[in-house]
Amino acid sequence: MAEEKSLEALQAELIEQKQLLKDLQAKLEKATKPPEPFVPMPSFHFDPTAGMSMPPSALREMVNAIPESVMRSIVNDAFRPNPVTGGAAPQPQQPVQRGSGWAKPNPLEPPPGQNHIDAIVSAQDKIDLVERATTLAKAAALQQAGKKE
């Protein structure tokens, strides 16, 4: 009987170890498996006009607000050829003058107010010249006075 208990204990231990090995094998497979590639979430496009509607009476009033003749002329204008975009010539056969796309260059001239700046600079030059002449005259006079002594 003691042997039967030890056999049952050994069997239970083997089953337990077998389960542990299976768990360990699953963990190892999970650890060695390469990571899944990143798949971004699909972006959500917000449309504030989704689900908007208006009552049929309001739509009817909008349609009735523009006379049929005006709407017909708007539609005709949309189908008329456009000379700028390369369509056929306009109805009255007037030649379309196309430019090169370049603007005429402005002539070269001093900026506005330059004459005032020139006058200020000339006046300051005269003041500086007088001050320099005065300083040199004083220095020459002091030098002459120093030589005489």
C-alpha atoms as a PDB file:
ATOM      1  CA  MET A   1       0.000   0.000   0.000  1.00  0.00           C
ATOM      2  CA  ALA A   2       2.858   2.310   0.693  1.00  0.00           C
ATOM      3  CA  GLU A   3       4.127   1.633  -2.786  1.00  0.00           C
ATOM      4  CA  GLU A   4       0.737   2.522  -4.313  1.00  0.00           C
ATOM      5  CA  LYS A   5       0.726   5.851  -2.492  1.00  0.00           C
ATOM      6  CA  SER A   6       4.248   6.597  -3.619  1.00  0.00           C
ATOM      7  CA  LEU A   7       3.318   5.665  -7.212  1.00  0.00           C
ATOM      8  CA  GLU A   8       0.246   7.915  -7.091  1.00  0.00           C
ATOM      9  CA  ALA A   9       2.364  10.709  -5.587  1.00  0.00           C
ATOM     10  CA  LEU A  10       4.979  10.206  -8.314  1.00  0.00           C
ATOM     11  CA  GLN A  11       2.249  10.251 -10.975  1.00  0.00           C
ATOM     12  CA  ALA A  12       0.774  13.482  -9.573  1.00  0.00           C
ATOM     13  CA  GLU A  13       4.256  14.985  -9.410  1.00  0.00           C
ATOM     14  CA  LEU A  14       4.943  13.960 -13.025  1.00  0.00           C
ATOM     15  CA  ILE A  15       1.650  15.456 -14.182  1.00  0.00           C
ATOM     16  CA  GLU A  16       2.465  18.658 -12.319  1.00  0.00           C
ATOM     17  CA  GLN A  17       5.951  18.804 -13.836  1.00  0.00           C
ATOM     18  CA  LYS A  18       4.493  18.092 -17.284  1.00  0.00           C
ATOM     19  CA  GLN A  19       2.128  21.075 -16.858  1.00  0.00           C
ATOM     20  CA  LEU A  20       5.028  23.254 -15.696  1.00  0.00           C
ATOM     21  CA  LEU A  21       7.025  22.233 -18.778  1.00  0.00           C
ATOM     22  CA  LYS A  22       4.087  23.089 -21.048  1.00  0.00           C
ATOM     23  CA  ASP A  23       3.767  26.513 -19.383  1.00  0.00           C
ATOM     24  CA  LEU A  24       7.503  27.112 -19.705  1.00  0.00           C
ATOM     25  CA  GLN A  25       7.433  26.061 -23.364  1.00  0.00           C
ATOM     26  CA  ALA A  26       4.529  28.466 -24.043  1.00  0.00           C
ATOM     27  CA  LYS A  27       6.445  31.314 -22.357  1.00  0.00           C
ATOM     28  CA  LEU A  28       9.574  30.556 -24.395  1.00  0.00           C
ATOM     29  CA  GLU A  29       7.615  30.468 -27.652  1.00  0.00           C
ATOM     30  CA  LYS A  30       5.977  33.784 -26.769  1.00  0.00           C
ATOM     31  CA  ALA A  31       9.373  35.329 -25.894  1.00  0.00           C
ATOM     32  CA  THR A  32      11.048  34.175 -29.120  1.00  0.00           C
ATOM     33  CA  LYS A  33       8.127  35.129 -31.383  1.00  0.00           C
ATOM     34  CA  PRO A  34       8.907  38.354 -33.335  1.00  0.00           C
ATOM     35  CA  PRO A  35       6.747  41.327 -32.407  1.00  0.00           C
ATOM     36  CA  GLU A  36       3.689  42.062 -34.486  1.00  0.00           C
ATOM     37  CA  PRO A  37       4.181  44.885 -36.989  1.00  0.00           C
ATOM     38  CA  PHE A  38       2.691  48.208 -35.964  1.00  0.00           C
ATOM     39  CA  VAL A  39      -0.701  48.770 -37.519  1.00  0.00           C
ATOM     40  CA  PRO A  40      -1.978  52.311 -36.945  1.00  0.00           C
ATOM     41  CA  MET A  41      -5.567  52.866 -36.048  1.00  0.00           C
ATOM     42  CA  PRO A  42      -7.639  54.059 -38.993  1.00  0.00           C
ATOM     43  CA  SER A  43      -8.071  57.818 -38.851  1.00  0.00           C
ATOM     44  CA  PHE A  44     -11.500  59.149 -38.164  1.00  0.00           C
ATOM     45  CA  HIS A  45     -12.629  61.883 -40.539  1.00  0.00           C
ATOM     46  CA  PHE A  46     -14.914  64.297 -38.730  1.00  0.00           C
ATOM     47  CA  ASP A  47     -17.648  65.621 -40.981  1.00  0.00           C
ATOM     48  CA  PRO A  48     -19.720  68.273 -39.207  1.00  0.00           C
ATOM     49  CA  THR A  49     -22.284  68.206 -42.030  1.00  0.00           C
ATOM     50  CA  ALA A  50     -22.946  64.477 -41.757  1.00  0.00           C
ATOM     51  CA  GLY A  51     -26.593  63.809 -41.105  1.00  0.00           C
ATOM     52  CA  MET A  52     -27.669  67.395 -41.757  1.00  0.00           C
ATOM     53  CA  SER A  53     -31.007  67.944 -43.363  1.00  0.00           C
ATOM     54  CA  MET A  54     -33.596  70.637 -43.758  1.00  0.00           C
ATOM     55  CA  PRO A  55     -37.335  70.563 -43.805  1.00  0.00           C
ATOM     56  CA  PRO A  56     -38.896  70.220 -47.258  1.00  0.00           C
ATOM     57  CA  SER A  57     -40.749  73.503 -46.782  1.00  0.00           C
ATOM     58  CA  ALA A  58     -37.463  75.404 -46.283  1.00  0.00           C
ATOM     59  CA  LEU A  59     -35.967  73.741 -49.374  1.00  0.00           C
ATOM     60  CA  ARG A  60     -39.031  74.665 -51.378  1.00  0.00           C
ATOM     61  CA  GLU A  61     -38.744  78.310 -50.274  1.00  0.00           C
ATOM     62  CA  MET A  62     -35.069  78.391 -51.286  1.00  0.00           C
ATOM     63  CA  VAL A  63     -35.915  77.067 -54.750  1.00  0.00           C
ATOM     64  CA  ASN A  64     -38.730  79.596 -55.123  1.00  0.00           C
ATOM     65  CA  ALA A  65     -36.507  82.497 -53.964  1.00  0.00           C
ATOM     66  CA  ILE A  66     -34.546  82.559 -57.247  1.00  0.00           C
ATOM     67  CA  PRO A  67     -36.614  83.100 -60.385  1.00  0.00           C
ATOM     68  CA  GLU A  68     -36.262  80.512 -63.099  1.00  0.00           C
ATOM     69  CA  SER A  69     -34.929  83.057 -65.625  1.00  0.00           C
ATOM     70  CA  VAL A  70     -32.068  84.026 -63.311  1.00  0.00           C
ATOM     71  CA  MET A  71     -31.200  80.381 -62.666  1.00  0.00           C
ATOM     72  CA  ARG A  72     -31.251  79.665 -66.419  1.00  0.00           C
ATOM     73  CA  SER A  73     -28.814  82.543 -67.085  1.00  0.00           C
ATOM     74  CA  ILE A  74     -26.492  81.286 -64.304  1.00  0.00           C
ATOM     75  CA  VAL A  75     -26.463  77.815 -65.848  1.00  0.00           C
ATOM     76  CA  ASN A  76     -25.835  79.287 -69.333  1.00  0.00           C
ATOM     77  CA  ASP A  77     -22.900  81.300 -67.958  1.00  0.00           C
ATOM     78  CA  ALA A  78     -21.413  78.128 -66.539  1.00  0.00           C
ATOM     79  CA  PHE A  79     -21.432  76.484 -69.978  1.00  0.00           C
ATOM     80  CA  ARG A  80     -20.048  79.523 -71.834  1.00  0.00           C
ATOM     81  CA  PRO A  81     -16.417  79.130 -73.017  1.00  0.00           C
ATOM     82  CA  ASN A  82     -13.712  80.890 -71.023  1.00  0.00           C
ATOM     83  CA  PRO A  83     -10.874  82.604 -72.962  1.00  0.00           C
ATOM     84  CA  VAL A  84      -8.561  82.698 -69.950  1.00  0.00           C
ATOM     85  CA  THR A  85      -8.622  78.960 -69.295  1.00  0.00           C
ATOM     86  CA  GLY A  86      -8.165  78.054 -72.931  1.00  0.00           C
ATOM     87  CA  GLY A  87     -11.741  77.520 -73.992  1.00  0.00           C
ATOM     88  CA  ALA A  88     -13.145  78.691 -77.312  1.00  0.00           C
ATOM     89  CA  ALA A  89     -13.079  82.380 -78.225  1.00  0.00           C
ATOM     90  CA  PRO A  90     -15.726  84.536 -76.538  1.00  0.00           C
ATOM     91  CA  GLN A  91     -19.023  85.109 -78.344  1.00  0.00           C
ATOM     92  CA  PRO A  92     -18.213  88.630 -79.596  1.00  0.00           C
ATOM     93  CA  GLN A  93     -15.034  87.832 -81.556  1.00  0.00           C
ATOM     94  CA  GLN A  94     -12.675  90.120 -79.671  1.00  0.00           C
ATOM     95  CA  PRO A  95      -9.036  89.141 -79.542  1.00  0.00           C
ATOM     96  CA  VAL A  96      -7.864  88.380 -76.058  1.00  0.00           C
ATOM     97  CA  GLN A  97      -4.682  90.196 -75.099  1.00  0.00           C
ATOM     98  CA  ARG A  98      -2.509  87.988 -72.995  1.00  0.00           C
ATOM     99  CA  GLY A  99       0.419  89.260 -70.997  1.00  0.00           C
ATOM    100  CA  SER A 100       3.659  87.537 -70.206  1.00  0.00           C
ATOM    101  CA  GLY A 101       2.885  87.479 -66.488  1.00  0.00           C
ATOM    102  CA  TRP A 102       5.740  89.867 -65.659  1.00  0.00           C
ATOM    103  CA  ALA A 103       5.111  93.275 -64.164  1.00  0.00           C
ATOM    104  CA  LYS A 104       6.954  96.331 -65.456  1.00  0.00           C
ATOM    105  CA  PRO A 105       9.932  96.979 -63.191  1.00  0.00           C
ATOM    106  CA  ASN A 106       9.965 100.146 -61.114  1.00  0.00           C
ATOM    107  CA  PRO A 107      12.661 102.628 -62.199  1.00  0.00           C
ATOM    108  CA  LEU A 108      15.716 102.812 -59.967  1.00  0.00           C
ATOM    109  CA  GLU A 109      15.574 105.871 -57.731  1.00  0.00           C
ATOM    110  CA  PRO A 110      16.551 106.744 -54.199  1.00  0.00           C
ATOM    111  CA  PRO A 111      13.991 105.956 -51.532  1.00  0.00           C
ATOM    112  CA  PRO A 112      11.556 108.703 -50.550  1.00  0.00           C
ATOM    113  CA  GLY A 113      12.958 111.137 -47.980  1.00  0.00           C
ATOM    114  CA  GLN A 114      16.571 110.580 -49.034  1.00  0.00           C
ATOM    115  CA  ASN A 115      16.999 114.294 -49.825  1.00  0.00           C
ATOM    116  CA  HIS A 116      16.184 115.156 -46.190  1.00  0.00           C
ATOM    117  CA  ILE A 117      18.725 112.641 -44.935  1.00  0.00           C
ATOM    118  CA  ASP A 118      21.365 114.058 -47.306  1.00  0.00           C
ATOM    119  CA  ALA A 119      20.707 117.602 -45.995  1.00  0.00           C
ATOM    120  CA  ILE A 120      21.051 116.448 -42.371  1.00  0.00           C
ATOM    121  CA  VAL A 121      24.309 114.609 -43.122  1.00  0.00           C
ATOM    122  CA  SER A 122      25.758 117.636 -44.974  1.00  0.00           C
ATOM    123  CA  ALA A 123      24.926 119.939 -42.056  1.00  0.00           C
ATOM    124  CA  GLN A 124      26.522 117.523 -39.577  1.00  0.00           C
ATOM    125  CA  ASP A 125      29.629 117.269 -41.806  1.00  0.00           C
ATOM    126  CA  LYS A 126      30.016 121.083 -41.657  1.00  0.00           C
ATOM    127  CA  ILE A 127      29.626 121.042 -37.861  1.00  0.00           C
ATOM    128  CA  ASP A 128      32.212 118.255 -37.550  1.00  0.00           C
ATOM    129  CA  LEU A 129      34.625 120.113 -39.851  1.00  0.00           C
ATOM    130  CA  VAL A 130      34.384 123.280 -37.749  1.00  0.00           C
ATOM    131  CA  GLU A 131      34.893 121.291 -34.520  1.00  0.00           C
ATOM    132  CA  ARG A 132      37.910 119.474 -35.980  1.00  0.00           C
ATOM    133  CA  ALA A 133      39.453 122.721 -37.217  1.00  0.00           C
ATOM    134  CA  THR A 134      38.909 124.300 -33.792  1.00  0.00           C
ATOM    135  CA  THR A 135      40.467 121.290 -32.043  1.00  0.00           C
ATOM    136  CA  LEU A 136      43.478 121.315 -34.386  1.00  0.00           C
ATOM    137  CA  ALA A 137      43.916 125.087 -33.954  1.00  0.00           C
ATOM    138  CA  LYS A 138      43.882 124.729 -30.153  1.00  0.00           C
ATOM    139  CA  ALA A 139      46.344 121.844 -30.342  1.00  0.00           C
ATOM    140  CA  ALA A 140      48.648 123.847 -32.634  1.00  0.00           C
ATOM    141  CA  ALA A 141      48.416 126.837 -30.290  1.00  0.00           C
ATOM    142  CA  LEU A 142      49.292 124.681 -27.264  1.00  0.00           C
ATOM    143  CA  GLN A 143      52.172 123.132 -29.182  1.00  0.00           C
ATOM    144  CA  GLN A 144      53.477 126.565 -30.164  1.00  0.00           C
ATOM    145  CA  ALA A 145      53.156 127.694 -26.546  1.00  0.00           C
ATOM    146  CA  GLY A 146      55.103 124.647 -25.397  1.00  0.00           C
ATOM    147  CA  LYS A 147      57.961 125.286 -27.828  1.00  0.00           C
ATOM    148  CA  LYS A 148      58.345 128.921 -26.761  1.00  0.00           C
ATOM    149  CA  GLU A 149      58.943 128.027 -23.121  1.00  0.00           C
END
